């Protein structure tokens, strides 16, 4: 019953508001999905890499928000930068709204000096949004047997599939062990109305991120085997704000993270736990979002799994400095 009601209101919200207040998919493991975080990261590793992510948000309500993503990027020497491809699918309310996105990106590297690098990135995106046609309205629901009645609601003329072209841009900097960046998604604020309302646009999303790595000295550990990495991430999309802050503890191949998500009004949403394993070529992590808001007893938080792999490649003839961001 909860799932049916959720499906109804998710779809209803697409028709009743002239301006869309929808938000993009989000990932707790920001740096595991690095191309989604900022297109300027494309080609920031010496060798080609691939990343996979799966996120299931609010599983207690069924398949409410489920997101799959695949990313590939590599450095291209003659372009003085990198190329990247990110594909993801976001399924909301059990298929009430499905979004498929294919994103191509290019980044350019500026070497300011041997300690300071800047990368800029540009992204072109293709979105296909599909609206499910199995709508459930209140007059269809029987209190005991669920949605079994025909509806008396008037049928609305609309398209069930939208095709959207979009653009984004970003920049990242790396100074010694500090890294920071800014990204702006949906630069042209494309229309996403299923009914042809031209003022129903996707709002621009602004992202700011910063972090650093602090080596720790301890007996039994070689240099670089033990460190902490404080980070923060801020995002705003129209009236929606999100502020994430926390740190990672790196112990040889094991990475553990603790994060908090809130807005600037100190409304806390979740405490996030990350546990990962990193080797030279592969990385794997699991994270759980523990909901601490008023929804804590209704959602069961969110689960997320990521996998990354770095391919072998010939040694670079030209000196290339990578951006040493966290793995997850």
C-alpha atoms as a PDB file:
ATOM      1  CA  UNK A   1       0.000   0.000   0.000  1.00  0.00           C
ATOM      2  CA  UNK A   2       2.775   2.467   0.866  1.00  0.00           C
ATOM      3  CA  UNK A   3       4.438   1.748  -2.436  1.00  0.00           C
ATOM      4  CA  UNK A   4       1.229   2.394  -4.385  1.00  0.00           C
ATOM      5  CA  UNK A   5       0.636   5.711  -2.654  1.00  0.00           C
ATOM      6  CA  UNK A   6       4.261   6.736  -3.188  1.00  0.00           C
ATOM      7  CA  UNK A   7       3.985   5.901  -6.872  1.00  0.00           C
ATOM      8  CA  UNK A   8       0.864   8.046  -7.205  1.00  0.00           C
ATOM      9  CA  UNK A   9       2.336  11.117  -5.567  1.00  0.00           C
ATOM     10  CA  UNK A  10       5.640  10.778  -7.420  1.00  0.00           C
ATOM     11  CA  UNK A  11       3.829  10.904 -10.750  1.00  0.00           C
ATOM     12  CA  UNK A  12       1.313  13.513  -9.613  1.00  0.00           C
ATOM     13  CA  UNK A  13       4.128  15.902  -8.736  1.00  0.00           C
ATOM     14  CA  UNK A  14       5.221  15.912 -12.380  1.00  0.00           C
ATOM     15  CA  UNK A  15       1.872  17.379 -13.458  1.00  0.00           C
ATOM     16  CA  UNK A  16       0.985  19.816 -10.699  1.00  0.00           C
ATOM     17  CA  UNK A  17       4.118  22.020 -10.663  1.00  0.00           C
ATOM     18  CA  UNK A  18       4.943  24.300 -13.568  1.00  0.00           C
ATOM     19  CA  UNK A  19       8.583  24.420 -12.537  1.00  0.00           C
ATOM     20  CA  UNK A  20      10.392  21.185 -11.818  1.00  0.00           C
ATOM     21  CA  UNK A  21      11.969  20.809  -8.396  1.00  0.00           C
ATOM     22  CA  UNK A  22      13.427  17.390  -9.150  1.00  0.00           C
ATOM     23  CA  UNK A  23      16.947  16.584  -8.070  1.00  0.00           C
ATOM     24  CA  UNK A  24      19.692  14.676  -9.805  1.00  0.00           C
ATOM     25  CA  UNK A  25      20.703  11.235  -8.524  1.00  0.00           C
ATOM     26  CA  UNK A  26      23.256  11.361  -5.728  1.00  0.00           C
ATOM     27  CA  UNK A  27      26.021   9.057  -4.553  1.00  0.00           C
ATOM     28  CA  UNK A  28      27.513   8.721  -1.089  1.00  0.00           C
ATOM     29  CA  UNK A  29      30.815   7.491  -2.528  1.00  0.00           C
ATOM     30  CA  UNK A  30      31.540  10.729  -4.385  1.00  0.00           C
ATOM     31  CA  UNK A  31      35.065   9.892  -5.486  1.00  0.00           C
ATOM     32  CA  UNK A  32      34.181   6.366  -6.599  1.00  0.00           C
ATOM     33  CA  UNK A  33      31.894   8.049  -9.141  1.00  0.00           C
ATOM     34  CA  UNK A  34      34.378  10.786  -9.934  1.00  0.00           C
ATOM     35  CA  UNK A  35      33.139  11.631 -13.443  1.00  0.00           C
ATOM     36  CA  UNK A  36      29.661  12.250 -12.037  1.00  0.00           C
ATOM     37  CA  UNK A  37      31.132  14.556  -9.403  1.00  0.00           C
ATOM     38  CA  UNK A  38      33.095  16.749 -11.816  1.00  0.00           C
ATOM     39  CA  UNK A  39      33.872  16.359 -15.555  1.00  0.00           C
ATOM     40  CA  UNK A  40      37.306  17.921 -14.999  1.00  0.00           C
ATOM     41  CA  UNK A  41      38.451  14.624 -13.440  1.00  0.00           C
ATOM     42  CA  UNK A  42      38.352  12.882 -16.850  1.00  0.00           C
ATOM     43  CA  UNK A  43      41.805  11.477 -17.560  1.00  0.00           C
ATOM     44  CA  UNK A  44      43.249  12.444 -14.185  1.00  0.00           C
ATOM     45  CA  UNK A  45      44.864   8.997 -13.785  1.00  0.00           C
ATOM     46  CA  UNK A  46      47.970   7.959 -15.724  1.00  0.00           C
ATOM     47  CA  UNK A  47      46.224   4.883 -17.137  1.00  0.00           C
ATOM     48  CA  UNK A  48      42.637   4.195 -18.312  1.00  0.00           C
ATOM     49  CA  UNK A  49      40.152   3.345 -15.570  1.00  0.00           C
ATOM     50  CA  UNK A  50      36.632   2.049 -15.276  1.00  0.00           C
ATOM     51  CA  UNK A  51      34.116   2.430 -12.430  1.00  0.00           C
ATOM     52  CA  UNK A  52      30.788   0.793 -11.582  1.00  0.00           C
ATOM     53  CA  UNK A  53      28.280   1.909  -8.948  1.00  0.00           C
ATOM     54  CA  UNK A  54      24.936   0.702  -7.611  1.00  0.00           C
ATOM     55  CA  UNK A  55      22.751   2.619  -5.165  1.00  0.00           C
ATOM     56  CA  UNK A  56      19.450   1.602  -3.558  1.00  0.00           C
ATOM     57  CA  UNK A  57      17.849   4.402  -1.554  1.00  0.00           C
ATOM     58  CA  UNK A  58      14.983   3.851   0.912  1.00  0.00           C
ATOM     59  CA  UNK A  59      14.729   0.048   0.357  1.00  0.00           C
ATOM     60  CA  UNK A  60      11.969  -0.305   2.971  1.00  0.00           C
ATOM     61  CA  UNK A  61       9.600   1.313   0.474  1.00  0.00           C
ATOM     62  CA  UNK A  62      10.538  -1.115  -2.293  1.00  0.00           C
ATOM     63  CA  UNK A  63      12.448  -0.065  -5.435  1.00  0.00           C
ATOM     64  CA  UNK A  64      11.966   3.607  -4.664  1.00  0.00           C
ATOM     65  CA  UNK A  65      15.217   5.129  -5.954  1.00  0.00           C
ATOM     66  CA  UNK A  66      17.658   2.755  -7.641  1.00  0.00           C
ATOM     67  CA  UNK A  67      20.643   4.043  -9.642  1.00  0.00           C
ATOM     68  CA  UNK A  68      23.232   2.198 -11.756  1.00  0.00           C
ATOM     69  CA  UNK A  69      26.288   3.885 -13.280  1.00  0.00           C
ATOM     70  CA  UNK A  70      29.256   2.997 -15.480  1.00  0.00           C
ATOM     71  CA  UNK A  71      32.203   5.295 -16.158  1.00  0.00           C
ATOM     72  CA  UNK A  72      35.343   5.088 -18.272  1.00  0.00           C
ATOM     73  CA  UNK A  73      38.066   7.672 -18.764  1.00  0.00           C
ATOM     74  CA  UNK A  74      41.649   7.933 -19.932  1.00  0.00           C
ATOM     75  CA  UNK A  75      44.372  10.469 -20.539  1.00  0.00           C
ATOM     76  CA  UNK A  76      45.035  11.441 -24.181  1.00  0.00           C
ATOM     77  CA  UNK A  77      48.477  12.996 -24.553  1.00  0.00           C
ATOM     78  CA  UNK A  78      48.002  14.782 -27.873  1.00  0.00           C
ATOM     79  CA  UNK A  79      44.874  16.492 -26.499  1.00  0.00           C
ATOM     80  CA  UNK A  80      46.771  17.681 -23.408  1.00  0.00           C
ATOM     81  CA  UNK A  81      43.982  16.267 -21.272  1.00  0.00           C
ATOM     82  CA  UNK A  82      41.538  13.401 -20.976  1.00  0.00           C
ATOM     83  CA  UNK A  83      38.323  11.923 -22.355  1.00  0.00           C
ATOM     84  CA  UNK A  84      35.549  10.298 -20.345  1.00  0.00           C
ATOM     85  CA  UNK A  85      32.227   8.518 -20.768  1.00  0.00           C
ATOM     86  CA  UNK A  86      29.615   8.162 -18.028  1.00  0.00           C
ATOM     87  CA  UNK A  87      26.388   6.204 -18.463  1.00  0.00           C
ATOM     88  CA  UNK A  88      23.770   5.819 -15.761  1.00  0.00           C
ATOM     89  CA  UNK A  89      20.166   4.806 -15.256  1.00  0.00           C
ATOM     90  CA  UNK A  90      18.004   6.128 -12.441  1.00  0.00           C
ATOM     91  CA  UNK A  91      14.711   4.359 -11.666  1.00  0.00           C
ATOM     92  CA  UNK A  92      12.241   6.130  -9.378  1.00  0.00           C
ATOM     93  CA  UNK A  93       9.144   4.710  -7.699  1.00  0.00           C
ATOM     94  CA  UNK A  94       9.430   1.276  -9.282  1.00  0.00           C
ATOM     95  CA  UNK A  95       9.499   2.667 -12.831  1.00  0.00           C
ATOM     96  CA  UNK A  96       7.153   5.649 -12.485  1.00  0.00           C
ATOM     97  CA  UNK A  97      10.031   7.744 -13.837  1.00  0.00           C
ATOM     98  CA  UNK A  98      13.141   6.265 -15.475  1.00  0.00           C
ATOM     99  CA  UNK A  99      16.093   8.375 -16.590  1.00  0.00           C
ATOM    100  CA  UNK A 100      18.853   7.135 -18.877  1.00  0.00           C
ATOM    101  CA  UNK A 101      21.866   9.402 -19.354  1.00  0.00           C
ATOM    102  CA  UNK A 102      24.968   9.216 -21.560  1.00  0.00           C
ATOM    103  CA  UNK A 103      27.639  11.827 -20.813  1.00  0.00           C
ATOM    104  CA  UNK A 104      30.766  12.525 -22.838  1.00  0.00           C
ATOM    105  CA  UNK A 105      33.465  14.803 -21.400  1.00  0.00           C
ATOM    106  CA  UNK A 106      36.815  16.360 -22.186  1.00  0.00           C
ATOM    107  CA  UNK A 107      39.295  17.859 -19.720  1.00  0.00           C
ATOM    108  CA  UNK A 108      42.371  20.022 -20.254  1.00  0.00           C
ATOM    109  CA  UNK A 109      45.337  20.114 -17.898  1.00  0.00           C
ATOM    110  CA  UNK A 110      47.220  23.301 -16.959  1.00  0.00           C
ATOM    111  CA  UNK A 111      50.529  22.883 -15.146  1.00  0.00           C
ATOM    112  CA  UNK A 112      51.060  26.072 -13.141  1.00  0.00           C
ATOM    113  CA  UNK A 113      54.228  24.810 -11.449  1.00  0.00           C
ATOM    114  CA  UNK A 114      55.549  21.535 -10.081  1.00  0.00           C
ATOM    115  CA  UNK A 115      53.257  21.827  -7.033  1.00  0.00           C
ATOM    116  CA  UNK A 116      50.078  23.241  -8.594  1.00  0.00           C
ATOM    117  CA  UNK A 117      47.909  21.780 -11.371  1.00  0.00           C
ATOM    118  CA  UNK A 118      44.535  22.912 -12.676  1.00  0.00           C
ATOM    119  CA  UNK A 119      42.173  20.852 -14.833  1.00  0.00           C
ATOM    120  CA  UNK A 120      39.104  22.218 -16.609  1.00  0.00           C
ATOM    121  CA  UNK A 121      36.358  20.038 -18.030  1.00  0.00           C
ATOM    122  CA  UNK A 122      33.375  20.298 -20.363  1.00  0.00           C
ATOM    123  CA  UNK A 123      30.542  17.781 -20.654  1.00  0.00           C
ATOM    124  CA  UNK A 124      27.821  17.073 -23.210  1.00  0.00           C
ATOM    125  CA  UNK A 125      24.929  14.928 -22.001  1.00  0.00           C
ATOM    126  CA  UNK A 126      22.016  13.103 -23.568  1.00  0.00           C
ATOM    127  CA  UNK A 127      19.073  12.318 -21.281  1.00  0.00           C
ATOM    128  CA  UNK A 128      16.065  10.158 -22.014  1.00  0.00           C
ATOM    129  CA  UNK A 129      13.300  10.363 -19.430  1.00  0.00           C
ATOM    130  CA  UNK A 130      10.466   7.873 -19.606  1.00  0.00           C
ATOM    131  CA  UNK A 131       7.244   8.143 -17.651  1.00  0.00           C
ATOM    132  CA  UNK A 132       5.549   4.875 -16.681  1.00  0.00           C
ATOM    133  CA  UNK A 133       1.953   4.488 -17.858  1.00  0.00           C
ATOM    134  CA  UNK A 134       0.671   2.396 -14.950  1.00  0.00           C
ATOM    135  CA  UNK A 135      -0.672   5.224 -12.815  1.00  0.00           C
ATOM    136  CA  UNK A 136      -2.376   4.523  -9.519  1.00  0.00           C
ATOM    137  CA  UNK A 137      -4.911   7.105  -8.313  1.00  0.00           C
ATOM    138  CA  UNK A 138      -6.661   7.176  -4.911  1.00  0.00           C
ATOM    139  CA  UNK A 139     -10.039   6.092  -6.304  1.00  0.00           C
ATOM    140  CA  UNK A 140      -8.450   2.863  -7.633  1.00  0.00           C
ATOM    141  CA  UNK A 141      -7.290   1.645  -4.216  1.00  0.00           C
ATOM    142  CA  UNK A 142      -9.273  -0.766  -2.100  1.00  0.00           C
ATOM    143  CA  UNK A 143      -8.240  -0.599   1.598  1.00  0.00           C
ATOM    144  CA  UNK A 144      -7.897  -4.383   1.735  1.00  0.00           C
ATOM    145  CA  UNK A 145      -6.947  -5.513  -1.791  1.00  0.00           C
ATOM    146  CA  UNK A 146      -5.053  -2.487  -3.129  1.00  0.00           C
ATOM    147  CA  UNK A 147      -5.472  -0.940  -6.620  1.00  0.00           C
ATOM    148  CA  UNK A 148      -8.286  -3.022  -8.170  1.00  0.00           C
ATOM    149  CA  UNK A 149     -10.849  -0.412  -9.319  1.00  0.00           C
ATOM    150  CA  UNK A 150     -10.964   1.589 -12.580  1.00  0.00           C
ATOM    151  CA  UNK A 151     -10.242   5.283 -12.154  1.00  0.00           C
ATOM    152  CA  UNK A 152     -12.553   8.190 -12.883  1.00  0.00           C
ATOM    153  CA  UNK A 153      -9.649  10.557 -13.446  1.00  0.00           C
ATOM    154  CA  UNK A 154      -9.592  12.363 -16.788  1.00  0.00           C
ATOM    155  CA  UNK A 155      -6.833  11.185 -19.106  1.00  0.00           C
ATOM    156  CA  UNK A 156      -4.203  13.858 -19.781  1.00  0.00           C
ATOM    157  CA  UNK A 157      -2.577  14.300 -23.192  1.00  0.00           C
ATOM    158  CA  UNK A 158       1.183  14.124 -22.874  1.00  0.00           C
ATOM    159  CA  UNK A 159       4.359  12.501 -24.116  1.00  0.00           C
ATOM    160  CA  UNK A 160       5.690   9.566 -22.136  1.00  0.00           C
ATOM    161  CA  UNK A 161       9.292   9.949 -23.355  1.00  0.00           C
ATOM    162  CA  UNK A 162      11.546  13.011 -23.398  1.00  0.00           C
ATOM    163  CA  UNK A 163      14.910  13.401 -25.139  1.00  0.00           C
ATOM    164  CA  UNK A 164      17.144  16.132 -23.711  1.00  0.00           C
ATOM    165  CA  UNK A 165      20.559  17.539 -24.639  1.00  0.00           C
ATOM    166  CA  UNK A 166      22.430  19.161 -21.753  1.00  0.00           C
ATOM    167  CA  UNK A 167      25.807  20.728 -20.946  1.00  0.00           C
ATOM    168  CA  UNK A 168      28.005  20.942 -17.835  1.00  0.00           C
ATOM    169  CA  UNK A 169      31.425  22.302 -16.915  1.00  0.00           C
ATOM    170  CA  UNK A 170      33.882  22.068 -14.048  1.00  0.00           C
ATOM    171  CA  UNK A 171      37.381  22.719 -12.779  1.00  0.00           C
ATOM    172  CA  UNK A 172      39.635  21.024 -10.225  1.00  0.00           C
ATOM    173  CA  UNK A 173      42.913  22.065  -8.669  1.00  0.00           C
ATOM    174  CA  UNK A 174      45.625  20.094  -6.940  1.00  0.00           C
ATOM    175  CA  UNK A 175      48.231  21.775  -4.744  1.00  0.00           C
ATOM    176  CA  UNK A 176      50.601  19.402  -2.961  1.00  0.00           C
ATOM    177  CA  UNK A 177      48.206  17.216  -0.889  1.00  0.00           C
ATOM    178  CA  UNK A 178      45.177  19.538  -1.247  1.00  0.00           C
ATOM    179  CA  UNK A 179      42.491  19.123  -3.907  1.00  0.00           C
ATOM    180  CA  UNK A 180      39.459  21.283  -4.628  1.00  0.00           C
ATOM    181  CA  UNK A 181      36.944  21.855  -7.384  1.00  0.00           C
ATOM    182  CA  UNK A 182      33.748  23.406  -8.683  1.00  0.00           C
ATOM    183  CA  UNK A 183      31.203  22.044 -11.156  1.00  0.00           C
ATOM    184  CA  UNK A 184      28.038  23.467 -12.718  1.00  0.00           C
ATOM    185  CA  UNK A 185      25.545  21.017 -14.231  1.00  0.00           C
ATOM    186  CA  UNK A 186      22.590  21.846 -16.527  1.00  0.00           C
ATOM    187  CA  UNK A 187      24.144  25.060 -17.811  1.00  0.00           C
ATOM    188  CA  UNK A 188      21.323  25.718 -20.285  1.00  0.00           C
ATOM    189  CA  UNK A 189      18.550  24.582 -17.892  1.00  0.00           C
ATOM    190  CA  UNK A 190      16.776  22.376 -20.479  1.00  0.00           C
ATOM    191  CA  UNK A 191      13.018  21.819 -20.391  1.00  0.00           C
ATOM    192  CA  UNK A 192      11.864  18.498 -18.905  1.00  0.00           C
ATOM    193  CA  UNK A 193       8.075  18.805 -19.069  1.00  0.00           C
ATOM    194  CA  UNK A 194       6.036  15.847 -20.290  1.00  0.00           C
ATOM    195  CA  UNK A 195       3.172  18.245 -21.099  1.00  0.00           C
ATOM    196  CA  UNK A 196       5.093  20.858 -23.074  1.00  0.00           C
ATOM    197  CA  UNK A 197       5.398  23.495 -20.344  1.00  0.00           C
ATOM    198  CA  UNK A 198       8.434  25.534 -21.381  1.00  0.00           C
ATOM    199  CA  UNK A 199       8.995  26.872 -17.869  1.00  0.00           C
ATOM    200  CA  UNK A 200       9.450  23.349 -16.438  1.00  0.00           C
ATOM    201  CA  UNK A 201      13.225  23.339 -16.503  1.00  0.00           C
ATOM    202  CA  UNK A 202      16.015  21.338 -14.864  1.00  0.00           C
ATOM    203  CA  UNK A 203      17.630  23.811 -12.453  1.00  0.00           C
ATOM    204  CA  UNK A 204      21.389  24.357 -12.524  1.00  0.00           C
ATOM    205  CA  UNK A 205      23.269  22.325  -9.937  1.00  0.00           C
ATOM    206  CA  UNK A 206      26.339  23.849  -8.289  1.00  0.00           C
ATOM    207  CA  UNK A 207      28.937  21.634  -6.611  1.00  0.00           C
ATOM    208  CA  UNK A 208      31.902  22.660  -4.472  1.00  0.00           C
ATOM    209  CA  UNK A 209      34.329  20.100  -3.048  1.00  0.00           C
ATOM    210  CA  UNK A 210      37.577  20.233  -1.106  1.00  0.00           C
ATOM    211  CA  UNK A 211      39.825  17.777   0.687  1.00  0.00           C
ATOM    212  CA  UNK A 212      43.336  17.057   1.830  1.00  0.00           C
ATOM    213  CA  UNK A 213      45.451  14.078   2.837  1.00  0.00           C
ATOM    214  CA  UNK A 214      47.373  14.116   6.121  1.00  0.00           C
ATOM    215  CA  UNK A 215      50.010  11.380   6.615  1.00  0.00           C
ATOM    216  CA  UNK A 216      50.198   9.831  10.090  1.00  0.00           C
ATOM    217  CA  UNK A 217      53.251   8.319  11.690  1.00  0.00           C
ATOM    218  CA  UNK A 218      52.932   5.098  13.641  1.00  0.00           C
ATOM    219  CA  UNK A 219      55.061   2.095  14.477  1.00  0.00           C
ATOM    220  CA  UNK A 220      54.798  -0.752  12.076  1.00  0.00           C
ATOM    221  CA  UNK A 221      53.715   1.452   9.153  1.00  0.00           C
ATOM    222  CA  UNK A 222      55.859   2.697   6.312  1.00  0.00           C
ATOM    223  CA  UNK A 223      55.524   6.202   4.976  1.00  0.00           C
ATOM    224  CA  UNK A 224      52.165   6.672   3.248  1.00  0.00           C
ATOM    225  CA  UNK A 225      50.570   3.525   4.722  1.00  0.00           C
ATOM    226  CA  UNK A 226      48.543   5.417   7.332  1.00  0.00           C
ATOM    227  CA  UNK A 227      46.722   8.700   6.745  1.00  0.00           C
ATOM    228  CA  UNK A 228      43.491  10.609   7.257  1.00  0.00           C
ATOM    229  CA  UNK A 229      41.659  12.598   4.606  1.00  0.00           C
ATOM    230  CA  UNK A 230      39.137  15.267   5.732  1.00  0.00           C
ATOM    231  CA  UNK A 231      36.705  16.320   2.972  1.00  0.00           C
ATOM    232  CA  UNK A 232      33.577  18.353   2.389  1.00  0.00           C
ATOM    233  CA  UNK A 233      31.086  18.584  -0.446  1.00  0.00           C
ATOM    234  CA  UNK A 234      28.426  21.253  -0.963  1.00  0.00           C
ATOM    235  CA  UNK A 235      25.669  21.074  -3.567  1.00  0.00           C
ATOM    236  CA  UNK A 236      22.786  23.384  -4.403  1.00  0.00           C
ATOM    237  CA  UNK A 237      20.050  22.892  -6.990  1.00  0.00           C
ATOM    238  CA  UNK A 238      17.500  25.705  -6.875  1.00  0.00           C
ATOM    239  CA  UNK A 239      16.157  25.706  -3.290  1.00  0.00           C
ATOM    240  CA  UNK A 240      17.689  22.350  -2.409  1.00  0.00           C
ATOM    241  CA  UNK A 241      20.907  22.477  -0.373  1.00  0.00           C
ATOM    242  CA  UNK A 242      23.149  19.676   0.781  1.00  0.00           C
ATOM    243  CA  UNK A 243      26.331  19.841   2.834  1.00  0.00           C
ATOM    244  CA  UNK A 244      28.427  16.699   3.360  1.00  0.00           C
ATOM    245  CA  UNK A 245      31.490  16.590   5.582  1.00  0.00           C
ATOM    246  CA  UNK A 246      33.613  13.831   7.071  1.00  0.00           C
ATOM    247  CA  UNK A 247      36.905  12.024   6.751  1.00  0.00           C
ATOM    248  CA  UNK A 248      38.528   8.857   5.520  1.00  0.00           C
ATOM    249  CA  UNK A 249      41.041   6.775   7.455  1.00  0.00           C
ATOM    250  CA  UNK A 250      43.494   4.947   5.177  1.00  0.00           C
ATOM    251  CA  UNK A 251      45.370   1.987   6.686  1.00  0.00           C
ATOM    252  CA  UNK A 252      47.426   0.227   4.020  1.00  0.00           C
ATOM    253  CA  UNK A 253      44.749  -1.284   1.731  1.00  0.00           C
ATOM    254  CA  UNK A 254      41.757  -0.599   3.999  1.00  0.00           C
ATOM    255  CA  UNK A 255      39.741   2.628   3.811  1.00  0.00           C
ATOM    256  CA  UNK A 256      37.049   3.565   6.347  1.00  0.00           C
ATOM    257  CA  UNK A 257      34.952   6.715   6.169  1.00  0.00           C
ATOM    258  CA  UNK A 258      32.449   8.557   8.338  1.00  0.00           C
ATOM    259  CA  UNK A 259      30.311  11.360   6.916  1.00  0.00           C
ATOM    260  CA  UNK A 260      27.382  13.575   7.930  1.00  0.00           C
ATOM    261  CA  UNK A 261      24.814  15.036   5.529  1.00  0.00           C
ATOM    262  CA  UNK A 262      22.780  18.140   6.407  1.00  0.00           C
ATOM    263  CA  UNK A 263      21.723  21.539   5.076  1.00  0.00           C
ATOM    264  CA  UNK A 264      22.731  25.008   6.277  1.00  0.00           C
ATOM    265  CA  UNK A 265      19.681  25.131   8.588  1.00  0.00           C
ATOM    266  CA  UNK A 266      21.198  22.223  10.573  1.00  0.00           C
ATOM    267  CA  UNK A 267      18.534  19.776   9.475  1.00  0.00           C
ATOM    268  CA  UNK A 268      20.450  16.496   9.598  1.00  0.00           C
ATOM    269  CA  UNK A 269      19.568  13.876   6.996  1.00  0.00           C
ATOM    270  CA  UNK A 270      22.001  10.973   7.428  1.00  0.00           C
ATOM    271  CA  UNK A 271      25.198   9.613   8.921  1.00  0.00           C
ATOM    272  CA  UNK A 272      27.144   7.725   6.253  1.00  0.00           C
ATOM    273  CA  UNK A 273      29.565   4.846   6.802  1.00  0.00           C
ATOM    274  CA  UNK A 274      32.045   3.697   4.139  1.00  0.00           C
ATOM    275  CA  UNK A 275      34.295   0.645   4.147  1.00  0.00           C
ATOM    276  CA  UNK A 276      36.564  -0.091   1.201  1.00  0.00           C
ATOM    277  CA  UNK A 277      39.518  -2.115  -0.049  1.00  0.00           C
ATOM    278  CA  UNK A 278      42.148  -0.617  -2.366  1.00  0.00           C
ATOM    279  CA  UNK A 279      45.044  -2.195  -4.242  1.00  0.00           C
ATOM    280  CA  UNK A 280      47.138  -0.818  -7.086  1.00  0.00           C
ATOM    281  CA  UNK A 281      44.658  -1.795  -9.804  1.00  0.00           C
ATOM    282  CA  UNK A 282      41.341  -2.460  -8.087  1.00  0.00           C
ATOM    283  CA  UNK A 283      39.114  -0.923  -5.449  1.00  0.00           C
ATOM    284  CA  UNK A 284      35.830  -2.020  -3.908  1.00  0.00           C
ATOM    285  CA  UNK A 285      33.614  -0.357  -1.316  1.00  0.00           C
ATOM    286  CA  UNK A 286      30.278  -0.586   0.458  1.00  0.00           C
ATOM    287  CA  UNK A 287      28.528   2.326   2.152  1.00  0.00           C
ATOM    288  CA  UNK A 288      25.390   2.700   4.200  1.00  0.00           C
ATOM    289  CA  UNK A 289      23.414   5.876   4.838  1.00  0.00           C
ATOM    290  CA  UNK A 290      21.824   5.781   8.282  1.00  0.00           C
ATOM    291  CA  UNK A 291      18.825   8.130   8.131  1.00  0.00           C
ATOM    292  CA  UNK A 292      18.607  10.384  11.190  1.00  0.00           C
ATOM    293  CA  UNK A 293      15.767  12.665  10.034  1.00  0.00           C
ATOM    294  CA  UNK A 294      12.077  12.113  10.730  1.00  0.00           C
ATOM    295  CA  UNK A 295      12.090   9.474   7.971  1.00  0.00           C
ATOM    296  CA  UNK A 296      14.474   7.193   9.885  1.00  0.00           C
ATOM    297  CA  UNK A 297      11.817   4.573  10.737  1.00  0.00           C
ATOM    298  CA  UNK A 298      10.271   4.533   7.257  1.00  0.00           C
ATOM    299  CA  UNK A 299      13.130   4.143   4.785  1.00  0.00           C
ATOM    300  CA  UNK A 300      15.983   1.899   6.050  1.00  0.00           C
ATOM    301  CA  UNK A 301      18.505   4.415   4.722  1.00  0.00           C
ATOM    302  CA  UNK A 302      20.477   3.653   1.560  1.00  0.00           C
ATOM    303  CA  UNK A 303      22.936   1.014   0.364  1.00  0.00           C
ATOM    304  CA  UNK A 304      25.680   1.695  -2.163  1.00  0.00           C
ATOM    305  CA  UNK A 305      28.345  -0.518  -3.746  1.00  0.00           C
ATOM    306  CA  UNK A 306      31.201   0.563  -6.026  1.00  0.00           C
ATOM    307  CA  UNK A 307      33.956  -1.162  -7.981  1.00  0.00           C
ATOM    308  CA  UNK A 308      36.884   0.381  -9.841  1.00  0.00           C
ATOM    309  CA  UNK A 309      39.706  -0.945 -11.985  1.00  0.00           C
ATOM    310  CA  UNK A 310      42.782   0.753 -13.503  1.00  0.00           C
ATOM    311  CA  UNK A 311      44.149  -0.854 -16.681  1.00  0.00           C
ATOM    312  CA  UNK A 312      47.799  -1.367 -17.522  1.00  0.00           C
ATOM    313  CA  UNK A 313      49.279   1.140 -19.947  1.00  0.00           C
ATOM    314  CA  UNK A 314      52.705   2.031 -21.400  1.00  0.00           C
ATOM    315  CA  UNK A 315      54.864   4.321 -19.323  1.00  0.00           C
ATOM    316  CA  UNK A 316      54.290   7.960 -20.171  1.00  0.00           C
ATOM    317  CA  UNK A 317      57.187   9.644 -21.937  1.00  0.00           C
ATOM    318  CA  UNK A 318      56.063  12.995 -20.600  1.00  0.00           C
ATOM    319  CA  UNK A 319      55.860  13.646 -16.885  1.00  0.00           C
ATOM    320  CA  UNK A 320      52.274  13.524 -15.667  1.00  0.00           C
ATOM    321  CA  UNK A 321      51.060  14.282 -12.169  1.00  0.00           C
ATOM    322  CA  UNK A 322      47.852  12.617 -11.002  1.00  0.00           C
ATOM    323  CA  UNK A 323      45.308  14.144  -8.634  1.00  0.00           C
ATOM    324  CA  UNK A 324      45.481  12.089  -5.448  1.00  0.00           C
ATOM    325  CA  UNK A 325      41.828  12.228  -4.386  1.00  0.00           C
ATOM    326  CA  UNK A 326      40.246   9.625  -2.082  1.00  0.00           C
ATOM    327  CA  UNK A 327      39.191   6.335  -3.607  1.00  0.00           C
ATOM    328  CA  UNK A 328      35.590   6.642  -2.438  1.00  0.00           C
END
